[in-house]
């Protein structure tokens, strides 16, 4: 296994695995396909295979699995919020958020699975008393426009307000 650093600065792991399968080529290919599928589902690595004869004297097939993974530890959630630098990243790409959009997204993501009405959001997120709750609607729409179709973490609770349902899809880097 080789560890290196990608151009983006994120750590990567390169893995090459040779698997000797003593069976006919048809079964070796099926076994390799199952291994690939299982491995990709488990650790989120995209792999390629290459099957070739090990030699004239043997009927064994050698399947080479090679892949690259972006992060060393588990697959990271698609959305990353960095409060100190006030950055939002979606799959590693920085998204531009206004101050109000950022504050609203951060507040909702820190309070997942709770419904907040518009007036409460205006008071707790922006320190505004009263006013038109439609301001919240506009900012939620702008946030959704930046995250969709990749992610839809903010749910409208009809007649009440908004709830953040994307807790498993966000990392808040405090």
C-alpha atoms as a PDB file:
ATOM      1  CA  UNK A   1       0.000   0.000   0.000  1.00  0.00           C
ATOM      2  CA  UNK A   2       1.313   3.432  -0.919  1.00  0.00           C
ATOM      3  CA  UNK A   3       0.287   6.707   0.700  1.00  0.00           C
ATOM      4  CA  UNK A   4       0.613   9.918  -1.270  1.00  0.00           C
ATOM      5  CA  UNK A   5      -0.831  13.412  -1.426  1.00  0.00           C
ATOM      6  CA  UNK A   6      -3.105  14.383  -4.280  1.00  0.00           C
ATOM      7  CA  UNK A   7      -2.903  17.697  -6.106  1.00  0.00           C
ATOM      8  CA  UNK A   8      -5.862  18.971  -4.069  1.00  0.00           C
ATOM      9  CA  UNK A   9      -3.828  18.475  -0.882  1.00  0.00           C
ATOM     10  CA  UNK A  10      -6.065  15.688   0.401  1.00  0.00           C
ATOM     11  CA  UNK A  11      -4.366  12.448   1.418  1.00  0.00           C
ATOM     12  CA  UNK A  12      -4.843   9.479  -0.874  1.00  0.00           C
ATOM     13  CA  UNK A  13      -4.186   5.800  -0.643  1.00  0.00           C
ATOM     14  CA  UNK A  14      -3.156   3.705  -3.611  1.00  0.00           C
ATOM     15  CA  UNK A  15      -3.724   0.018  -3.190  1.00  0.00           C
ATOM     16  CA  UNK A  16      -2.749  -2.840  -5.455  1.00  0.00           C
ATOM     17  CA  UNK A  17      -3.909  -6.301  -4.539  1.00  0.00           C
ATOM     18  CA  UNK A  18      -3.083  -9.503  -6.410  1.00  0.00           C
ATOM     19  CA  UNK A  19      -5.520 -12.336  -5.878  1.00  0.00           C
ATOM     20  CA  UNK A  20      -4.740 -15.861  -7.061  1.00  0.00           C
ATOM     21  CA  UNK A  21      -7.862 -17.835  -7.857  1.00  0.00           C
ATOM     22  CA  UNK A  22      -7.484 -21.517  -8.740  1.00  0.00           C
ATOM     23  CA  UNK A  23     -10.474 -21.899 -11.003  1.00  0.00           C
ATOM     24  CA  UNK A  24     -11.447 -21.437 -14.623  1.00  0.00           C
ATOM     25  CA  UNK A  25     -11.434 -17.956 -16.132  1.00  0.00           C
ATOM     26  CA  UNK A  26     -15.223 -17.640 -16.128  1.00  0.00           C
ATOM     27  CA  UNK A  27     -15.467 -18.229 -12.373  1.00  0.00           C
ATOM     28  CA  UNK A  28     -12.389 -16.106 -11.663  1.00  0.00           C
ATOM     29  CA  UNK A  29     -14.034 -13.162 -13.423  1.00  0.00           C
ATOM     30  CA  UNK A  30     -17.268 -13.656 -11.450  1.00  0.00           C
ATOM     31  CA  UNK A  31     -15.351 -13.819  -8.165  1.00  0.00           C
ATOM     32  CA  UNK A  32     -13.411 -10.678  -9.078  1.00  0.00           C
ATOM     33  CA  UNK A  33     -16.630  -8.842  -9.963  1.00  0.00           C
ATOM     34  CA  UNK A  34     -18.184  -9.735  -6.600  1.00  0.00           C
ATOM     35  CA  UNK A  35     -15.053  -8.661  -4.741  1.00  0.00           C
ATOM     36  CA  UNK A  36     -14.997  -5.358  -6.590  1.00  0.00           C
ATOM     37  CA  UNK A  37     -18.645  -4.673  -5.878  1.00  0.00           C
ATOM     38  CA  UNK A  38     -18.274  -5.551  -2.196  1.00  0.00           C
ATOM     39  CA  UNK A  39     -15.082  -3.542  -1.798  1.00  0.00           C
ATOM     40  CA  UNK A  40     -16.489  -0.469  -3.543  1.00  0.00           C
ATOM     41  CA  UNK A  41     -19.684  -0.560  -1.455  1.00  0.00           C
ATOM     42  CA  UNK A  42     -17.771  -0.987   1.789  1.00  0.00           C
ATOM     43  CA  UNK A  43     -15.003   1.570   1.475  1.00  0.00           C
ATOM     44  CA  UNK A  44     -16.085   3.770  -1.420  1.00  0.00           C
ATOM     45  CA  UNK A  45     -13.120   3.022  -3.658  1.00  0.00           C
ATOM     46  CA  UNK A  46     -13.381   2.699  -7.385  1.00  0.00           C
ATOM     47  CA  UNK A  47     -11.374  -0.276  -8.574  1.00  0.00           C
ATOM     48  CA  UNK A  48     -10.353  -1.748 -11.887  1.00  0.00           C
ATOM     49  CA  UNK A  49      -9.537  -5.366 -12.686  1.00  0.00           C
ATOM     50  CA  UNK A  50      -7.139  -7.064 -15.012  1.00  0.00           C
ATOM     51  CA  UNK A  51      -7.280 -10.813 -15.471  1.00  0.00           C
ATOM     52  CA  UNK A  52      -4.439 -12.751 -17.065  1.00  0.00           C
ATOM     53  CA  UNK A  53      -2.967 -16.256 -17.179  1.00  0.00           C
ATOM     54  CA  UNK A  54      -0.321 -16.822 -14.514  1.00  0.00           C
ATOM     55  CA  UNK A  55       1.629 -19.133 -16.806  1.00  0.00           C
ATOM     56  CA  UNK A  56       1.443 -22.004 -19.232  1.00  0.00           C
ATOM     57  CA  UNK A  57       1.974 -24.651 -16.522  1.00  0.00           C
ATOM     58  CA  UNK A  58      -0.970 -23.561 -14.370  1.00  0.00           C
ATOM     59  CA  UNK A  59      -4.600 -22.809 -14.998  1.00  0.00           C
ATOM     60  CA  UNK A  60      -4.785 -20.256 -12.155  1.00  0.00           C
ATOM     61  CA  UNK A  61      -6.051 -16.809 -12.960  1.00  0.00           C
ATOM     62  CA  UNK A  62      -4.522 -13.728 -11.375  1.00  0.00           C
ATOM     63  CA  UNK A  63      -6.863 -10.815 -10.874  1.00  0.00           C
ATOM     64  CA  UNK A  64      -5.280  -7.469 -10.143  1.00  0.00           C
ATOM     65  CA  UNK A  65      -7.368  -4.938  -8.246  1.00  0.00           C
ATOM     66  CA  UNK A  66      -6.092  -1.388  -8.286  1.00  0.00           C
ATOM     67  CA  UNK A  67      -7.809   1.663  -6.948  1.00  0.00           C
ATOM     68  CA  UNK A  68      -7.439   5.043  -5.437  1.00  0.00           C
ATOM     69  CA  UNK A  69      -9.208   6.525  -2.462  1.00  0.00           C
ATOM     70  CA  UNK A  70      -9.353  10.193  -1.660  1.00  0.00           C
ATOM     71  CA  UNK A  71      -9.410  10.041   2.137  1.00  0.00           C
ATOM     72  CA  UNK A  72      -7.560   7.886   4.601  1.00  0.00           C
ATOM     73  CA  UNK A  73     -10.332   7.485   7.142  1.00  0.00           C
ATOM     74  CA  UNK A  74     -13.833   6.503   6.035  1.00  0.00           C
ATOM     75  CA  UNK A  75     -15.778   8.232   3.362  1.00  0.00           C
ATOM     76  CA  UNK A  76     -16.426  11.837   4.255  1.00  0.00           C
ATOM     77  CA  UNK A  77     -19.890  13.394   4.132  1.00  0.00           C
ATOM     78  CA  UNK A  78     -20.526  15.376   0.943  1.00  0.00           C
ATOM     79  CA  UNK A  79     -21.141  18.671   2.789  1.00  0.00           C
ATOM     80  CA  UNK A  80     -18.458  20.263   4.948  1.00  0.00           C
ATOM     81  CA  UNK A  81     -19.074  23.464   6.907  1.00  0.00           C
ATOM     82  CA  UNK A  82     -16.076  25.319   8.307  1.00  0.00           C
ATOM     83  CA  UNK A  83     -17.374  27.909  10.787  1.00  0.00           C
ATOM     84  CA  UNK A  84     -13.998  29.537  11.527  1.00  0.00           C
ATOM     85  CA  UNK A  85     -13.243  30.278   7.877  1.00  0.00           C
ATOM     86  CA  UNK A  86     -16.953  30.609   7.000  1.00  0.00           C
ATOM     87  CA  UNK A  87     -16.585  28.195   4.088  1.00  0.00           C
ATOM     88  CA  UNK A  88     -18.998  25.593   2.763  1.00  0.00           C
ATOM     89  CA  UNK A  89     -17.646  22.753   0.636  1.00  0.00           C
ATOM     90  CA  UNK A  90     -19.736  20.315  -1.384  1.00  0.00           C
ATOM     91  CA  UNK A  91     -17.663  17.301  -2.462  1.00  0.00           C
ATOM     92  CA  UNK A  92     -14.546  19.400  -1.857  1.00  0.00           C
ATOM     93  CA  UNK A  93     -15.695  22.331  -4.012  1.00  0.00           C
ATOM     94  CA  UNK A  94     -16.074  25.679  -2.243  1.00  0.00           C
ATOM     95  CA  UNK A  95     -19.544  27.198  -2.569  1.00  0.00           C
ATOM     96  CA  UNK A  96     -20.215  30.906  -2.208  1.00  0.00           C
ATOM     97  CA  UNK A  97     -22.667  31.764   0.583  1.00  0.00           C
ATOM     98  CA  UNK A  98     -23.746  35.169   1.810  1.00  0.00           C
ATOM     99  CA  UNK A  99     -23.436  35.895   5.524  1.00  0.00           C
ATOM    100  CA  UNK A 100     -27.142  35.277   6.117  1.00  0.00           C
ATOM    101  CA  UNK A 101     -27.200  32.045   4.081  1.00  0.00           C
ATOM    102  CA  UNK A 102     -24.126  30.716   5.880  1.00  0.00           C
ATOM    103  CA  UNK A 103     -25.505  31.558   9.330  1.00  0.00           C
ATOM    104  CA  UNK A 104     -28.856  29.907   8.536  1.00  0.00           C
ATOM    105  CA  UNK A 105     -27.250  26.735   7.129  1.00  0.00           C
ATOM    106  CA  UNK A 106     -24.884  26.466  10.090  1.00  0.00           C
ATOM    107  CA  UNK A 107     -27.677  26.955  12.642  1.00  0.00           C
ATOM    108  CA  UNK A 108     -29.956  24.373  11.025  1.00  0.00           C
ATOM    109  CA  UNK A 109     -27.144  21.836  10.605  1.00  0.00           C
ATOM    110  CA  UNK A 110     -26.180  22.206  14.279  1.00  0.00           C
ATOM    111  CA  UNK A 111     -29.804  21.527  15.241  1.00  0.00           C
ATOM    112  CA  UNK A 112     -30.808  18.554  13.076  1.00  0.00           C
ATOM    113  CA  UNK A 113     -34.255  16.957  13.198  1.00  0.00           C
ATOM    114  CA  UNK A 114     -35.794  19.965  14.947  1.00  0.00           C
ATOM    115  CA  UNK A 115     -38.431  22.141  13.334  1.00  0.00           C
ATOM    116  CA  UNK A 116     -38.006  25.908  13.604  1.00  0.00           C
ATOM    117  CA  UNK A 117     -40.615  28.428  12.553  1.00  0.00           C
ATOM    118  CA  UNK A 118     -39.587  31.470  10.516  1.00  0.00           C
ATOM    119  CA  UNK A 119     -39.818  33.981  13.379  1.00  0.00           C
ATOM    120  CA  UNK A 120     -37.651  31.786  15.631  1.00  0.00           C
ATOM    121  CA  UNK A 121     -35.057  31.394  12.883  1.00  0.00           C
ATOM    122  CA  UNK A 122     -34.937  35.139  12.308  1.00  0.00           C
ATOM    123  CA  UNK A 123     -34.464  35.778  16.030  1.00  0.00           C
ATOM    124  CA  UNK A 124     -31.985  32.995  16.818  1.00  0.00           C
ATOM    125  CA  UNK A 125     -29.924  33.092  13.638  1.00  0.00           C
ATOM    126  CA  UNK A 126     -29.836  36.779  12.783  1.00  0.00           C
ATOM    127  CA  UNK A 127     -30.990  38.449  16.016  1.00  0.00           C
ATOM    128  CA  UNK A 128     -33.994  40.057  14.319  1.00  0.00           C
ATOM    129  CA  UNK A 129     -37.218  40.637  16.229  1.00  0.00           C
ATOM    130  CA  UNK A 130     -40.414  40.546  14.198  1.00  0.00           C
ATOM    131  CA  UNK A 131     -40.271  41.225  10.500  1.00  0.00           C
ATOM    132  CA  UNK A 132     -41.430  39.251   7.528  1.00  0.00           C
ATOM    133  CA  UNK A 133     -40.751  35.510   7.800  1.00  0.00           C
ATOM    134  CA  UNK A 134     -40.575  35.317   4.025  1.00  0.00           C
ATOM    135  CA  UNK A 135     -36.964  36.505   4.310  1.00  0.00           C
ATOM    136  CA  UNK A 136     -36.170  33.040   5.683  1.00  0.00           C
ATOM    137  CA  UNK A 137     -37.961  31.438   2.721  1.00  0.00           C
ATOM    138  CA  UNK A 138     -35.794  33.374   0.276  1.00  0.00           C
ATOM    139  CA  UNK A 139     -32.563  32.336   1.995  1.00  0.00           C
ATOM    140  CA  UNK A 140     -33.626  28.687   2.259  1.00  0.00           C
ATOM    141  CA  UNK A 141     -34.421  28.733  -1.468  1.00  0.00           C
ATOM    142  CA  UNK A 142     -30.959  30.164  -2.232  1.00  0.00           C
ATOM    143  CA  UNK A 143     -29.256  27.542  -0.018  1.00  0.00           C
ATOM    144  CA  UNK A 144     -31.203  24.752  -1.716  1.00  0.00           C
ATOM    145  CA  UNK A 145     -30.247  26.117  -5.118  1.00  0.00           C
ATOM    146  CA  UNK A 146     -26.568  25.818  -4.215  1.00  0.00           C
ATOM    147  CA  UNK A 147     -26.788  22.304  -2.731  1.00  0.00           C
ATOM    148  CA  UNK A 148     -29.292  20.590  -5.031  1.00  0.00           C
ATOM    149  CA  UNK A 149     -29.456  18.175  -6.768  1.00  0.00           C
ATOM    150  CA  UNK A 150     -26.510  16.665  -4.860  1.00  0.00           C
ATOM    151  CA  UNK A 151     -28.018  17.238  -1.436  1.00  0.00           C
ATOM    152  CA  UNK A 152     -31.426  18.261  -0.085  1.00  0.00           C
ATOM    153  CA  UNK A 153     -30.865  18.618   3.659  1.00  0.00           C
ATOM    154  CA  UNK A 154     -33.494  21.270   4.474  1.00  0.00           C
ATOM    155  CA  UNK A 155     -37.101  20.103   4.600  1.00  0.00           C
ATOM    156  CA  UNK A 156     -40.111  22.386   4.617  1.00  0.00           C
ATOM    157  CA  UNK A 157     -42.622  21.436   7.304  1.00  0.00           C
ATOM    158  CA  UNK A 158     -45.795  22.855   5.808  1.00  0.00           C
ATOM    159  CA  UNK A 159     -47.446  25.493   7.953  1.00  0.00           C
ATOM    160  CA  UNK A 160     -44.648  25.398  10.535  1.00  0.00           C
ATOM    161  CA  UNK A 161     -41.142  26.100   9.238  1.00  0.00           C
ATOM    162  CA  UNK A 162     -37.945  24.236   8.367  1.00  0.00           C
ATOM    163  CA  UNK A 163     -36.051  21.185   9.567  1.00  0.00           C
ATOM    164  CA  UNK A 164     -32.507  20.027   8.793  1.00  0.00           C
ATOM    165  CA  UNK A 165     -32.653  16.347   7.747  1.00  0.00           C
ATOM    166  CA  UNK A 166     -29.118  16.024   6.413  1.00  0.00           C
ATOM    167  CA  UNK A 167     -27.232  15.259   9.639  1.00  0.00           C
ATOM    168  CA  UNK A 168     -25.544  12.204   8.115  1.00  0.00           C
ATOM    169  CA  UNK A 169     -24.443  14.224   5.091  1.00  0.00           C
ATOM    170  CA  UNK A 170     -22.678  17.092   6.826  1.00  0.00           C
ATOM    171  CA  UNK A 171     -19.459  17.566   8.728  1.00  0.00           C
ATOM    172  CA  UNK A 172     -19.119  20.703  10.818  1.00  0.00           C
ATOM    173  CA  UNK A 173     -15.399  21.310  11.181  1.00  0.00           C
ATOM    174  CA  UNK A 174     -15.275  23.173  14.486  1.00  0.00           C
END
